[in-house]
Amino acid sequence: GPQGVGVYLDGTYIGIAPCSTVKITGTHTITLAKAGYDTKSYTINVGNDGKDLTMSFSELIATQQ
């Protein structure tokens, strides 16, 4: 949240949350961004276990003006 948050994987835009992408093994940075909110980045480690991976993150906080 909020609705309309852009999702970036290693700096490449992949869609509006919720979204999906091909699972790539290794360490990656997920960035969540939306105008009027603080941008938040997370470092994730993705294993090669052959299973789908679902992730969720805390809601973005509105930018204080």
N, C-alpha and C. Protein backbone atom coordinates (compact mmCIF):
# COMPACT_ATOMS: atom_id res chain seq x y z
N GLY A 1 0.83 -1.17 0.00
CA GLY A 1 0.00 0.00 0.00
C GLY A 1 0.87 1.24 0.00
N PRO A 2 0.34 2.31 -0.36
CA PRO A 2 -1.01 2.53 -0.87
C PRO A 2 -1.16 2.00 -2.29
N GLN A 3 -2.36 2.06 -2.83
CA GLN A 3 -2.56 1.59 -4.20
C GLN A 3 -1.71 2.41 -5.16
N GLY A 4 -1.25 1.76 -6.23
CA GLY A 4 -0.50 2.46 -7.25
C GLY A 4 0.99 2.55 -6.99
N VAL A 5 1.51 1.76 -6.08
CA VAL A 5 2.93 1.79 -5.77
C VAL A 5 3.72 1.10 -6.89
N GLY A 6 4.73 1.79 -7.41
CA GLY A 6 5.60 1.22 -8.42
C GLY A 6 6.63 0.29 -7.79
N VAL A 7 6.89 -0.83 -8.44
CA VAL A 7 7.83 -1.82 -7.94
C VAL A 7 9.01 -1.91 -8.90
N TYR A 8 10.22 -1.84 -8.35
CA TYR A 8 11.46 -1.92 -9.13
C TYR A 8 12.30 -3.07 -8.61
N LEU A 9 12.86 -3.85 -9.51
CA LEU A 9 13.75 -4.95 -9.17
C LEU A 9 15.13 -4.57 -9.70
N ASP A 10 16.07 -4.37 -8.79
CA ASP A 10 17.43 -3.97 -9.16
C ASP A 10 17.42 -2.74 -10.07
N GLY A 11 16.52 -1.80 -9.78
CA GLY A 11 16.46 -0.55 -10.52
C GLY A 11 15.61 -0.58 -11.78
N THR A 12 15.09 -1.75 -12.15
CA THR A 12 14.27 -1.88 -13.35
C THR A 12 12.79 -1.97 -12.95
N TYR A 13 11.98 -1.11 -13.53
CA TYR A 13 10.55 -1.09 -13.24
C TYR A 13 9.91 -2.40 -13.69
N ILE A 14 9.14 -3.04 -12.77
CA ILE A 14 8.47 -4.30 -13.14
C ILE A 14 6.95 -4.21 -13.06
N GLY A 15 6.40 -3.12 -12.50
CA GLY A 15 4.95 -2.97 -12.48
C GLY A 15 4.43 -2.27 -11.25
N ILE A 16 3.10 -2.24 -11.17
CA ILE A 16 2.38 -1.67 -10.04
C ILE A 16 2.00 -2.82 -9.11
N ALA A 17 2.24 -2.64 -7.81
CA ALA A 17 1.93 -3.68 -6.82
C ALA A 17 0.43 -3.92 -6.77
N PRO A 18 -0.03 -5.15 -6.65
CA PRO A 18 0.79 -6.37 -6.67
C PRO A 18 1.21 -6.73 -8.10
N CYS A 19 2.39 -7.27 -8.24
CA CYS A 19 2.89 -7.64 -9.56
C CYS A 19 3.74 -8.89 -9.44
N SER A 20 4.15 -9.42 -10.58
CA SER A 20 4.98 -10.62 -10.57
C SER A 20 6.09 -10.48 -11.60
N THR A 21 7.12 -11.29 -11.43
CA THR A 21 8.25 -11.30 -12.34
C THR A 21 8.88 -12.69 -12.31
N VAL A 22 9.77 -12.94 -13.22
CA VAL A 22 10.49 -14.21 -13.24
C VAL A 22 11.41 -14.26 -12.03
N LYS A 23 11.45 -15.39 -11.37
CA LYS A 23 12.31 -15.58 -10.20
C LYS A 23 13.75 -15.73 -10.65
N ILE A 24 14.63 -14.87 -10.11
CA ILE A 24 16.05 -14.89 -10.45
C ILE A 24 16.84 -15.13 -9.17
N THR A 25 17.59 -16.23 -9.12
CA THR A 25 18.37 -16.59 -7.94
C THR A 25 19.43 -15.53 -7.66
N GLY A 26 19.63 -15.23 -6.38
CA GLY A 26 20.68 -14.31 -5.97
C GLY A 26 20.17 -13.22 -5.06
N THR A 27 21.02 -12.22 -4.82
CA THR A 27 20.68 -11.08 -3.97
C THR A 27 20.20 -9.94 -4.86
N HIS A 28 19.05 -9.36 -4.48
CA HIS A 28 18.44 -8.32 -5.29
C HIS A 28 17.91 -7.20 -4.40
N THR A 29 17.65 -6.06 -5.02
CA THR A 29 17.04 -4.93 -4.32
C THR A 29 15.66 -4.69 -4.89
N ILE A 30 14.66 -4.70 -4.02
CA ILE A 30 13.28 -4.36 -4.37
C ILE A 30 13.05 -2.94 -3.87
N THR A 31 12.60 -2.06 -4.75
CA THR A 31 12.30 -0.68 -4.37
C THR A 31 10.84 -0.40 -4.64
N LEU A 32 10.18 0.23 -3.68
CA LEU A 32 8.78 0.62 -3.79
C LEU A 32 8.72 2.14 -3.81
N ALA A 33 8.02 2.71 -4.79
CA ALA A 33 7.99 4.17 -4.92
C ALA A 33 6.64 4.66 -5.42
N LYS A 34 6.23 5.81 -4.88
CA LYS A 34 5.01 6.49 -5.34
C LYS A 34 5.14 7.96 -4.96
N ALA A 35 4.72 8.84 -5.86
CA ALA A 35 4.77 10.27 -5.58
C ALA A 35 3.99 10.58 -4.31
N GLY A 36 4.56 11.40 -3.44
CA GLY A 36 3.91 11.78 -2.18
C GLY A 36 4.21 10.84 -1.04
N TYR A 37 5.04 9.82 -1.28
CA TYR A 37 5.41 8.84 -0.26
C TYR A 37 6.92 8.65 -0.25
N ASP A 38 7.45 8.28 0.93
CA ASP A 38 8.87 7.97 1.03
C ASP A 38 9.15 6.70 0.26
N THR A 39 10.20 6.71 -0.56
CA THR A 39 10.63 5.51 -1.29
C THR A 39 11.30 4.57 -0.31
N LYS A 40 11.05 3.28 -0.46
CA LYS A 40 11.60 2.28 0.46
C LYS A 40 12.24 1.16 -0.36
N SER A 41 13.44 0.74 0.04
CA SER A 41 14.15 -0.35 -0.64
C SER A 41 14.43 -1.48 0.33
N TYR A 42 14.40 -2.68 -0.19
CA TYR A 42 14.65 -3.90 0.59
C TYR A 42 15.65 -4.77 -0.16
N THR A 43 16.58 -5.35 0.56
CA THR A 43 17.50 -6.33 -0.03
C THR A 43 16.94 -7.70 0.26
N ILE A 44 16.80 -8.51 -0.80
CA ILE A 44 16.26 -9.85 -0.65
C ILE A 44 17.25 -10.87 -1.20
N ASN A 45 17.20 -12.08 -0.66
CA ASN A 45 18.00 -13.19 -1.17
C ASN A 45 17.04 -14.25 -1.68
N VAL A 46 17.21 -14.62 -2.93
CA VAL A 46 16.30 -15.58 -3.58
C VAL A 46 17.07 -16.87 -3.84
N GLY A 47 16.56 -17.95 -3.28
CA GLY A 47 17.19 -19.26 -3.46
C GLY A 47 16.66 -19.99 -4.68
N ASN A 48 17.35 -21.03 -5.06
CA ASN A 48 16.98 -21.84 -6.23
C ASN A 48 16.33 -23.13 -5.76
N ASP A 49 15.11 -23.01 -5.20
CA ASP A 49 14.43 -24.18 -4.66
C ASP A 49 13.33 -24.70 -5.58
N GLY A 50 13.13 -24.06 -6.74
CA GLY A 50 12.13 -24.51 -7.69
C GLY A 50 10.71 -24.15 -7.34
N LYS A 51 10.51 -23.36 -6.28
CA LYS A 51 9.16 -22.99 -5.84
C LYS A 51 8.91 -21.51 -6.12
N ASP A 52 7.63 -21.16 -6.30
CA ASP A 52 7.25 -19.76 -6.42
C ASP A 52 7.52 -19.05 -5.10
N LEU A 53 7.76 -17.75 -5.17
CA LEU A 53 8.07 -16.96 -3.99
C LEU A 53 7.10 -15.79 -3.93
N THR A 54 6.45 -15.61 -2.80
CA THR A 54 5.55 -14.49 -2.60
C THR A 54 6.12 -13.61 -1.50
N MET A 55 6.19 -12.32 -1.76
CA MET A 55 6.74 -11.39 -0.76
C MET A 55 5.75 -10.26 -0.54
N SER A 56 5.73 -9.75 0.67
CA SER A 56 4.94 -8.55 0.97
C SER A 56 5.79 -7.66 1.86
N PHE A 57 5.52 -6.37 1.79
CA PHE A 57 6.31 -5.38 2.51
C PHE A 57 5.37 -4.41 3.21
N SER A 58 5.90 -3.71 4.22
CA SER A 58 5.07 -2.75 4.95
C SER A 58 4.66 -1.60 4.04
N GLU A 59 3.55 -0.94 4.39
CA GLU A 59 3.04 0.15 3.58
C GLU A 59 4.00 1.33 3.58
N LEU A 60 4.00 2.08 2.48
CA LEU A 60 4.82 3.28 2.40
C LEU A 60 4.23 4.36 3.30
N ILE A 61 5.09 5.23 3.76
CA ILE A 61 4.67 6.32 4.65
C ILE A 61 4.61 7.61 3.83
N ALA A 62 3.52 8.37 4.00
CA ALA A 62 3.36 9.64 3.27
C ALA A 62 4.51 10.57 3.61
N THR A 63 5.00 11.28 2.59
CA THR A 63 6.09 12.24 2.77
C THR A 63 5.61 13.38 3.65
N GLN A 64 6.41 13.76 4.61
CA GLN A 64 6.07 14.90 5.46
C GLN A 64 6.53 16.17 4.77
N GLN A 65 5.65 17.14 4.72
CA GLN A 65 5.98 18.40 4.03
C GLN A 65 6.17 19.53 4.98
